[in-house]
Amino acid sequence: MTMSLFPVDVASEITSGLPSSADLKVVSIGRDGFEYATKRQSDGADLPASEWFCYHLGYRLQIALPPCAVLRNGSEEHFGSRFEGGVFQWSDIPPEQREPLLQGGVAAISRIFALDLFVANDDRHLNNFLFRSQRLAGDHTVIAMDFSRGLLMRGWPVDPVPMPSNTTTMMNIMTLRKHGLWSSTDAALTLSSIATVTSREVQEWLTAMPGAWLSAVRINAIGHF
């Protein structure tokens, strides 16, 4: 599992000049020297817990995600997603290189979108993927980030099913399918893999996060969903 075993103390915070994101309000510089996209309860009471669960479920499904950590800032604890080096975003890619890049990443992209559908993340778009060139294989790794609009932030598990067609996530899936850049096989594989996740695993993930993020009653409810 790609997470820090110990909380990371925050050395400083950056609140201006941040990467374009509707939900990212602060970047923390950890005592370990890494930068972290930071999600605080002051930005949304359930936001850190939602990100924590989605990241751990993604790790369990072997979906590429940045390492995450609990960030400790005084008496407060936040969720941190570590900035990746050597990556680029969709907006960085020249137009003529975009379709070939997507063609090479169809399987990974389809698996990520399938995870988004399960956790009801309605705001997955191409610019919250990261792409990393593989040094030896000559291919690209597709990395997911940002589940700020999913899970508890949408009232999961009682949010609308299926996800409304006018959401950013669904519109992007429909566009990918229209252009032959979708793998139903890989999407179905992700959903079938989710079915193998046990309530015990979910309980372990959620009880490992700071207790202030989510009550024991809600943890039990999610674990038995």
C-alpha atoms as a PDB file:
ATOM      1  CA  MET A   1       0.000   0.000   0.000  1.00  0.00           C
ATOM      2  CA  THR A   2       1.418   3.381  -1.032  1.00  0.00           C
ATOM      3  CA  MET A   3       1.015   5.431   2.101  1.00  0.00           C
ATOM      4  CA  SER A   4       3.205   6.849   4.837  1.00  0.00           C
ATOM      5  CA  LEU A   5       3.282   4.750   8.008  1.00  0.00           C
ATOM      6  CA  PHE A   6       3.679   7.868  10.149  1.00  0.00           C
ATOM      7  CA  PRO A   7       2.070  11.327  10.088  1.00  0.00           C
ATOM      8  CA  VAL A   8       4.082  13.961   8.240  1.00  0.00           C
ATOM      9  CA  ASP A   9       4.527  17.277  10.028  1.00  0.00           C
ATOM     10  CA  VAL A  10       3.721  20.383   7.976  1.00  0.00           C
ATOM     11  CA  ALA A  11       6.676  22.757   7.723  1.00  0.00           C
ATOM     12  CA  SER A  12       4.887  25.438   5.687  1.00  0.00           C
ATOM     13  CA  GLU A  13       1.850  26.032   3.489  1.00  0.00           C
ATOM     14  CA  ILE A  14       1.334  27.586   0.066  1.00  0.00           C
ATOM     15  CA  THR A  15      -2.046  29.158  -0.710  1.00  0.00           C
ATOM     16  CA  SER A  16      -1.344  31.121  -3.902  1.00  0.00           C
ATOM     17  CA  GLY A  17      -0.174  30.126  -7.366  1.00  0.00           C
ATOM     18  CA  LEU A  18      -1.621  26.635  -6.911  1.00  0.00           C
ATOM     19  CA  PRO A  19      -2.336  24.152  -9.715  1.00  0.00           C
ATOM     20  CA  SER A  20      -5.732  24.758 -11.305  1.00  0.00           C
ATOM     21  CA  SER A  21      -8.313  22.873  -9.233  1.00  0.00           C
ATOM     22  CA  ALA A  22     -11.750  23.756  -7.922  1.00  0.00           C
ATOM     23  CA  ASP A  23     -11.131  21.969  -4.633  1.00  0.00           C
ATOM     24  CA  LEU A  24      -7.430  22.486  -3.860  1.00  0.00           C
ATOM     25  CA  LYS A  25      -7.046  25.360  -1.400  1.00  0.00           C
ATOM     26  CA  VAL A  26      -3.581  24.708   0.020  1.00  0.00           C
ATOM     27  CA  VAL A  27      -0.369  22.829  -0.714  1.00  0.00           C
ATOM     28  CA  SER A  28       1.646  21.725   2.313  1.00  0.00           C
ATOM     29  CA  ILE A  29       5.404  21.354   2.440  1.00  0.00           C
ATOM     30  CA  GLY A  30       6.115  18.401   4.694  1.00  0.00           C
ATOM     31  CA  ARG A  31       9.009  18.085   7.098  1.00  0.00           C
ATOM     32  CA  ASP A  32      10.127  15.311   4.735  1.00  0.00           C
ATOM     33  CA  GLY A  33      10.629  17.906   1.972  1.00  0.00           C
ATOM     34  CA  PHE A  34       7.749  16.747  -0.226  1.00  0.00           C
ATOM     35  CA  GLU A  35       4.829  18.842  -1.467  1.00  0.00           C
ATOM     36  CA  TYR A  36       1.329  17.581  -0.719  1.00  0.00           C
ATOM     37  CA  ALA A  37      -2.026  18.512  -2.211  1.00  0.00           C
ATOM     38  CA  THR A  38      -3.886  19.033   1.052  1.00  0.00           C
ATOM     39  CA  LYS A  39      -7.532  18.362   1.853  1.00  0.00           C
ATOM     40  CA  ARG A  40      -8.729  19.759   5.184  1.00  0.00           C
ATOM     41  CA  GLN A  41     -11.952  19.374   7.119  1.00  0.00           C
ATOM     42  CA  SER A  42     -12.282  23.156   6.951  1.00  0.00           C
ATOM     43  CA  ASP A  43     -12.696  22.667   3.173  1.00  0.00           C
ATOM     44  CA  GLY A  44     -15.382  20.016   3.725  1.00  0.00           C
ATOM     45  CA  ALA A  45     -16.031  18.029   6.889  1.00  0.00           C
ATOM     46  CA  ASP A  46     -15.959  14.672   5.066  1.00  0.00           C
ATOM     47  CA  LEU A  47     -13.332  15.588   2.475  1.00  0.00           C
ATOM     48  CA  PRO A  48     -10.226  14.022   4.103  1.00  0.00           C
ATOM     49  CA  ALA A  49     -12.085  10.780   4.895  1.00  0.00           C
ATOM     50  CA  SER A  50     -13.464  10.541   1.356  1.00  0.00           C
ATOM     51  CA  GLU A  51     -10.042  11.008  -0.201  1.00  0.00           C
ATOM     52  CA  TRP A  52      -8.500   8.507   2.236  1.00  0.00           C
ATOM     53  CA  PHE A  53     -11.054   5.815   1.409  1.00  0.00           C
ATOM     54  CA  CYS A  54     -10.869   6.361  -2.355  1.00  0.00           C
ATOM     55  CA  TYR A  55      -7.070   6.236  -2.369  1.00  0.00           C
ATOM     56  CA  HIS A  56      -6.976   3.043  -0.317  1.00  0.00           C
ATOM     57  CA  LEU A  57      -9.596   1.379  -2.479  1.00  0.00           C
ATOM     58  CA  GLY A  58      -7.571   2.411  -5.537  1.00  0.00           C
ATOM     59  CA  TYR A  59      -4.383   0.948  -4.048  1.00  0.00           C
ATOM     60  CA  ARG A  60      -6.262  -2.292  -3.337  1.00  0.00           C
ATOM     61  CA  LEU A  61      -7.371  -2.439  -6.985  1.00  0.00           C
ATOM     62  CA  GLN A  62      -3.793  -1.790  -8.183  1.00  0.00           C
ATOM     63  CA  ILE A  63      -4.740   1.507  -9.789  1.00  0.00           C
ATOM     64  CA  ALA A  64      -1.855   3.975 -10.008  1.00  0.00           C
ATOM     65  CA  LEU A  65      -2.250   6.774  -7.456  1.00  0.00           C
ATOM     66  CA  PRO A  66       0.215   9.121  -5.756  1.00  0.00           C
ATOM     67  CA  PRO A  67       1.400   8.193  -2.249  1.00  0.00           C
ATOM     68  CA  CYS A  68      -0.782   9.668   0.475  1.00  0.00           C
ATOM     69  CA  ALA A  69      -0.151  10.635   4.089  1.00  0.00           C
ATOM     70  CA  VAL A  70      -1.766  12.116   7.154  1.00  0.00           C
ATOM     71  CA  LEU A  71      -0.423  15.654   7.486  1.00  0.00           C
ATOM     72  CA  ARG A  72      -0.060  17.023  11.001  1.00  0.00           C
ATOM     73  CA  ASN A  73      -0.322  20.794  11.399  1.00  0.00           C
ATOM     74  CA  GLY A  74      -0.408  21.685  15.081  1.00  0.00           C
ATOM     75  CA  SER A  75      -3.495  20.051  16.560  1.00  0.00           C
ATOM     76  CA  GLU A  76      -5.083  19.463  13.147  1.00  0.00           C
ATOM     77  CA  GLU A  77      -4.600  16.531  10.799  1.00  0.00           C
ATOM     78  CA  HIS A  78      -5.209  16.738   7.053  1.00  0.00           C
ATOM     79  CA  PHE A  79      -5.164  14.374   4.081  1.00  0.00           C
ATOM     80  CA  GLY A  80      -2.147  14.815   1.816  1.00  0.00           C
ATOM     81  CA  SER A  81      -1.584  13.489  -1.700  1.00  0.00           C
ATOM     82  CA  ARG A  82       2.097  13.737  -2.523  1.00  0.00           C
ATOM     83  CA  PHE A  83       3.089  15.625  -5.657  1.00  0.00           C
ATOM     84  CA  GLU A  84       4.575  13.339  -8.263  1.00  0.00           C
ATOM     85  CA  GLY A  85       7.778  14.193 -10.127  1.00  0.00           C
ATOM     86  CA  GLY A  86       8.408  13.528 -13.801  1.00  0.00           C
ATOM     87  CA  VAL A  87       4.730  13.728 -14.740  1.00  0.00           C
ATOM     88  CA  PHE A  88       2.652  15.872 -17.055  1.00  0.00           C
ATOM     89  CA  GLN A  89      -1.033  16.707 -17.314  1.00  0.00           C
ATOM     90  CA  TRP A  90      -3.422  16.684 -20.245  1.00  0.00           C
ATOM     91  CA  SER A  91      -3.114  20.448 -20.676  1.00  0.00           C
ATOM     92  CA  ASP A  92       0.659  20.038 -21.137  1.00  0.00           C
ATOM     93  CA  ILE A  93       0.303  17.656 -24.095  1.00  0.00           C
ATOM     94  CA  PRO A  94       0.510  19.007 -27.673  1.00  0.00           C
ATOM     95  CA  PRO A  95      -2.818  18.367 -29.480  1.00  0.00           C
ATOM     96  CA  GLU A  96      -1.268  16.021 -32.045  1.00  0.00           C
ATOM     97  CA  GLN A  97       0.037  13.746 -29.270  1.00  0.00           C
ATOM     98  CA  ARG A  98      -3.162  13.457 -27.274  1.00  0.00           C
ATOM     99  CA  GLU A  99      -5.042  10.699 -29.088  1.00  0.00           C
ATOM    100  CA  PRO A 100      -2.009   8.361 -29.317  1.00  0.00           C
ATOM    101  CA  LEU A 101      -1.446   8.884 -25.590  1.00  0.00           C
ATOM    102  CA  LEU A 102      -5.057   7.996 -24.822  1.00  0.00           C
ATOM    103  CA  GLN A 103      -4.919   4.949 -27.081  1.00  0.00           C
ATOM    104  CA  GLY A 104      -1.971   3.630 -25.103  1.00  0.00           C
ATOM    105  CA  GLY A 105      -3.745   4.264 -21.807  1.00  0.00           C
ATOM    106  CA  VAL A 106      -7.223   2.932 -22.611  1.00  0.00           C
ATOM    107  CA  ALA A 107      -7.081   0.086 -20.085  1.00  0.00           C
ATOM    108  CA  ALA A 108      -5.845   2.234 -17.193  1.00  0.00           C
ATOM    109  CA  ILE A 109      -8.198   5.122 -17.961  1.00  0.00           C
ATOM    110  CA  SER A 110     -11.208   2.792 -18.174  1.00  0.00           C
ATOM    111  CA  ARG A 111     -10.313   1.225 -14.823  1.00  0.00           C
ATOM    112  CA  ILE A 112      -9.996   4.638 -13.170  1.00  0.00           C
ATOM    113  CA  PHE A 113     -13.351   5.801 -14.508  1.00  0.00           C
ATOM    114  CA  ALA A 114     -14.947   2.563 -13.267  1.00  0.00           C
ATOM    115  CA  LEU A 115     -13.634   3.340  -9.783  1.00  0.00           C
ATOM    116  CA  ASP A 116     -15.068   6.851 -10.102  1.00  0.00           C
ATOM    117  CA  LEU A 117     -18.479   5.398 -10.927  1.00  0.00           C
ATOM    118  CA  PHE A 118     -18.400   3.196  -7.831  1.00  0.00           C
ATOM    119  CA  VAL A 119     -17.411   5.991  -5.439  1.00  0.00           C
ATOM    120  CA  ALA A 120     -19.691   8.475  -7.246  1.00  0.00           C
ATOM    121  CA  ASN A 121     -16.888  10.877  -8.153  1.00  0.00           C
ATOM    122  CA  ASP A 122     -18.789  13.050 -10.597  1.00  0.00           C
ATOM    123  CA  ASP A 123     -15.926  15.357 -11.638  1.00  0.00           C
ATOM    124  CA  ARG A 124     -13.333  13.123 -13.330  1.00  0.00           C
ATOM    125  CA  HIS A 125     -11.861  14.910 -16.330  1.00  0.00           C
ATOM    126  CA  LEU A 126      -8.715  14.432 -18.360  1.00  0.00           C
ATOM    127  CA  ASN A 127      -6.784  17.143 -16.546  1.00  0.00           C
ATOM    128  CA  ASN A 128      -6.924  15.288 -13.251  1.00  0.00           C
ATOM    129  CA  PHE A 129      -4.988  12.406 -14.694  1.00  0.00           C
ATOM    130  CA  LEU A 130      -1.204  12.445 -14.539  1.00  0.00           C
ATOM    131  CA  PHE A 131       0.958  10.794 -17.185  1.00  0.00           C
ATOM    132  CA  ARG A 132       4.478   9.522 -16.591  1.00  0.00           C
ATOM    133  CA  SER A 133       6.872   8.240 -19.250  1.00  0.00           C
ATOM    134  CA  GLN A 134       8.188   4.778 -18.440  1.00  0.00           C
ATOM    135  CA  ARG A 135      11.954   4.918 -18.621  1.00  0.00           C
ATOM    136  CA  LEU A 136      12.592   1.408 -19.952  1.00  0.00           C
ATOM    137  CA  ALA A 137       9.295   0.151 -21.363  1.00  0.00           C
ATOM    138  CA  GLY A 138       8.780   3.186 -23.586  1.00  0.00           C
ATOM    139  CA  ASP A 139       5.112   3.500 -22.587  1.00  0.00           C
ATOM    140  CA  HIS A 140       3.208   5.760 -20.195  1.00  0.00           C
ATOM    141  CA  THR A 141       1.731   5.197 -16.753  1.00  0.00           C
ATOM    142  CA  VAL A 142      -1.660   6.821 -16.181  1.00  0.00           C
ATOM    143  CA  ILE A 143      -2.040   8.074 -12.603  1.00  0.00           C
ATOM    144  CA  ALA A 144      -5.339   9.125 -11.037  1.00  0.00           C
ATOM    145  CA  MET A 145      -5.615  11.941  -8.526  1.00  0.00           C
ATOM    146  CA  ASP A 146      -8.336  13.933  -6.791  1.00  0.00           C
ATOM    147  CA  PHE A 147     -11.545  12.308  -5.567  1.00  0.00           C
ATOM    148  CA  SER A 148     -12.795  15.541  -3.990  1.00  0.00           C
ATOM    149  CA  ARG A 149     -16.288  15.259  -5.472  1.00  0.00           C
ATOM    150  CA  GLY A 150     -16.865  11.614  -4.573  1.00  0.00           C
ATOM    151  CA  LEU A 151     -18.042   9.293  -1.841  1.00  0.00           C
ATOM    152  CA  LEU A 152     -19.209  11.081   1.327  1.00  0.00           C
ATOM    153  CA  MET A 153     -19.062  14.463  -0.410  1.00  0.00           C
ATOM    154  CA  ARG A 154     -22.044  13.340  -2.521  1.00  0.00           C
ATOM    155  CA  GLY A 155     -23.939  11.524   0.209  1.00  0.00           C
ATOM    156  CA  TRP A 156     -22.649   8.054  -0.765  1.00  0.00           C
ATOM    157  CA  PRO A 157     -24.048   5.426  -0.641  1.00  0.00           C
ATOM    158  CA  VAL A 158     -27.448   7.086  -1.176  1.00  0.00           C
ATOM    159  CA  ASP A 159     -26.482   9.343  -4.097  1.00  0.00           C
ATOM    160  CA  PRO A 160     -28.252   8.814  -7.468  1.00  0.00           C
ATOM    161  CA  VAL A 161     -27.518   5.524  -9.271  1.00  0.00           C
ATOM    162  CA  PRO A 162     -26.694   5.419 -12.084  1.00  0.00           C
ATOM    163  CA  MET A 163     -24.661   8.616 -12.089  1.00  0.00           C
ATOM    164  CA  PRO A 164     -26.530  11.375 -13.975  1.00  0.00           C
ATOM    165  CA  SER A 165     -25.478  11.685 -17.614  1.00  0.00           C
ATOM    166  CA  ASN A 166     -24.794  15.420 -17.307  1.00  0.00           C
ATOM    167  CA  THR A 167     -21.924  14.992 -14.823  1.00  0.00           C
ATOM    168  CA  THR A 168     -18.359  15.639 -15.941  1.00  0.00           C
ATOM    169  CA  THR A 169     -17.434  12.002 -15.316  1.00  0.00           C
ATOM    170  CA  MET A 170     -20.259  10.585 -17.442  1.00  0.00           C
ATOM    171  CA  MET A 171     -19.751  13.080 -20.267  1.00  0.00           C
ATOM    172  CA  ASN A 172     -16.068  12.156 -20.465  1.00  0.00           C
ATOM    173  CA  ILE A 173     -16.879   8.437 -20.487  1.00  0.00           C
ATOM    174  CA  MET A 174     -19.356   8.968 -23.322  1.00  0.00           C
ATOM    175  CA  THR A 175     -16.771  10.963 -25.297  1.00  0.00           C
ATOM    176  CA  LEU A 176     -14.135   8.267 -24.839  1.00  0.00           C
ATOM    177  CA  ARG A 177     -16.580   5.557 -25.947  1.00  0.00           C
ATOM    178  CA  LYS A 178     -17.595   7.598 -28.983  1.00  0.00           C
ATOM    179  CA  HIS A 179     -13.962   7.769 -30.111  1.00  0.00           C
ATOM    180  CA  GLY A 180     -13.197   4.109 -29.428  1.00  0.00           C
ATOM    181  CA  LEU A 181     -11.027   4.960 -26.426  1.00  0.00           C
ATOM    182  CA  TRP A 182     -12.839   2.815 -23.878  1.00  0.00           C
ATOM    183  CA  SER A 183     -12.400  -0.757 -22.670  1.00  0.00           C
ATOM    184  CA  SER A 184     -15.561  -2.281 -21.226  1.00  0.00           C
ATOM    185  CA  THR A 185     -13.518  -5.356 -20.310  1.00  0.00           C
ATOM    186  CA  ASP A 186     -11.139  -3.387 -18.101  1.00  0.00           C
ATOM    187  CA  ALA A 187     -13.934  -1.339 -16.556  1.00  0.00           C
ATOM    188  CA  ALA A 188     -15.822  -4.537 -15.706  1.00  0.00           C
ATOM    189  CA  LEU A 189     -12.637  -6.053 -14.278  1.00  0.00           C
ATOM    190  CA  THR A 190     -12.355  -3.157 -11.849  1.00  0.00           C
ATOM    191  CA  LEU A 191     -15.954  -3.525 -10.712  1.00  0.00           C
ATOM    192  CA  SER A 192     -15.574  -7.288 -10.245  1.00  0.00           C
ATOM    193  CA  SER A 193     -12.390  -6.658  -8.244  1.00  0.00           C
ATOM    194  CA  ILE A 194     -14.298  -4.264  -5.983  1.00  0.00           C
ATOM    195  CA  ALA A 195     -16.646  -7.156  -5.194  1.00  0.00           C
ATOM    196  CA  THR A 196     -13.709  -9.027  -3.619  1.00  0.00           C
ATOM    197  CA  VAL A 197     -12.991  -6.250  -1.105  1.00  0.00           C
ATOM    198  CA  THR A 198     -14.085  -7.365   2.354  1.00  0.00           C
ATOM    199  CA  SER A 199     -15.761  -5.320   5.068  1.00  0.00           C
ATOM    200  CA  ARG A 200     -12.783  -6.141   7.282  1.00  0.00           C
ATOM    201  CA  GLU A 201     -10.417  -4.461   4.810  1.00  0.00           C
ATOM    202  CA  VAL A 202     -12.610  -1.371   4.663  1.00  0.00           C
ATOM    203  CA  GLN A 203     -12.783  -1.208   8.453  1.00  0.00           C
ATOM    204  CA  GLU A 204      -8.982  -1.425   8.641  1.00  0.00           C
ATOM    205  CA  TRP A 205      -8.527   1.425   6.168  1.00  0.00           C
ATOM    206  CA  LEU A 206     -11.007   3.695   7.902  1.00  0.00           C
ATOM    207  CA  THR A 207      -9.900   3.007  11.465  1.00  0.00           C
ATOM    208  CA  ALA A 208      -6.297   3.748  10.423  1.00  0.00           C
ATOM    209  CA  MET A 209      -7.150   7.370   9.636  1.00  0.00           C
ATOM    210  CA  PRO A 210      -7.458  10.087  12.309  1.00  0.00           C
ATOM    211  CA  GLY A 211     -10.531   9.550  14.468  1.00  0.00           C
ATOM    212  CA  ALA A 212     -11.695  13.145  14.002  1.00  0.00           C
ATOM    213  CA  TRP A 213     -12.270  12.570  10.286  1.00  0.00           C
ATOM    214  CA  LEU A 214     -15.238  10.215  10.654  1.00  0.00           C
ATOM    215  CA  SER A 215     -17.320   8.849  13.517  1.00  0.00           C
ATOM    216  CA  ALA A 216     -17.224   5.166  14.452  1.00  0.00           C
ATOM    217  CA  VAL A 217     -20.920   4.872  13.554  1.00  0.00           C
ATOM    218  CA  ARG A 218     -20.309   6.077   9.997  1.00  0.00           C
ATOM    219  CA  ILE A 219     -17.207   3.906   9.647  1.00  0.00           C
ATOM    220  CA  ASN A 220     -19.276   0.848  10.553  1.00  0.00           C
ATOM    221  CA  ALA A 221     -22.017   1.866   8.109  1.00  0.00           C
ATOM    222  CA  ILE A 222     -19.544   2.162   5.230  1.00  0.00           C
ATOM    223  CA  GLY A 223     -17.808  -1.083   6.173  1.00  0.00           C
ATOM    224  CA  HIS A 224     -21.079  -2.997   5.964  1.00  0.00           C
ATOM    225  CA  PHE A 225     -22.421  -1.345   2.823  1.00  0.00           C
END
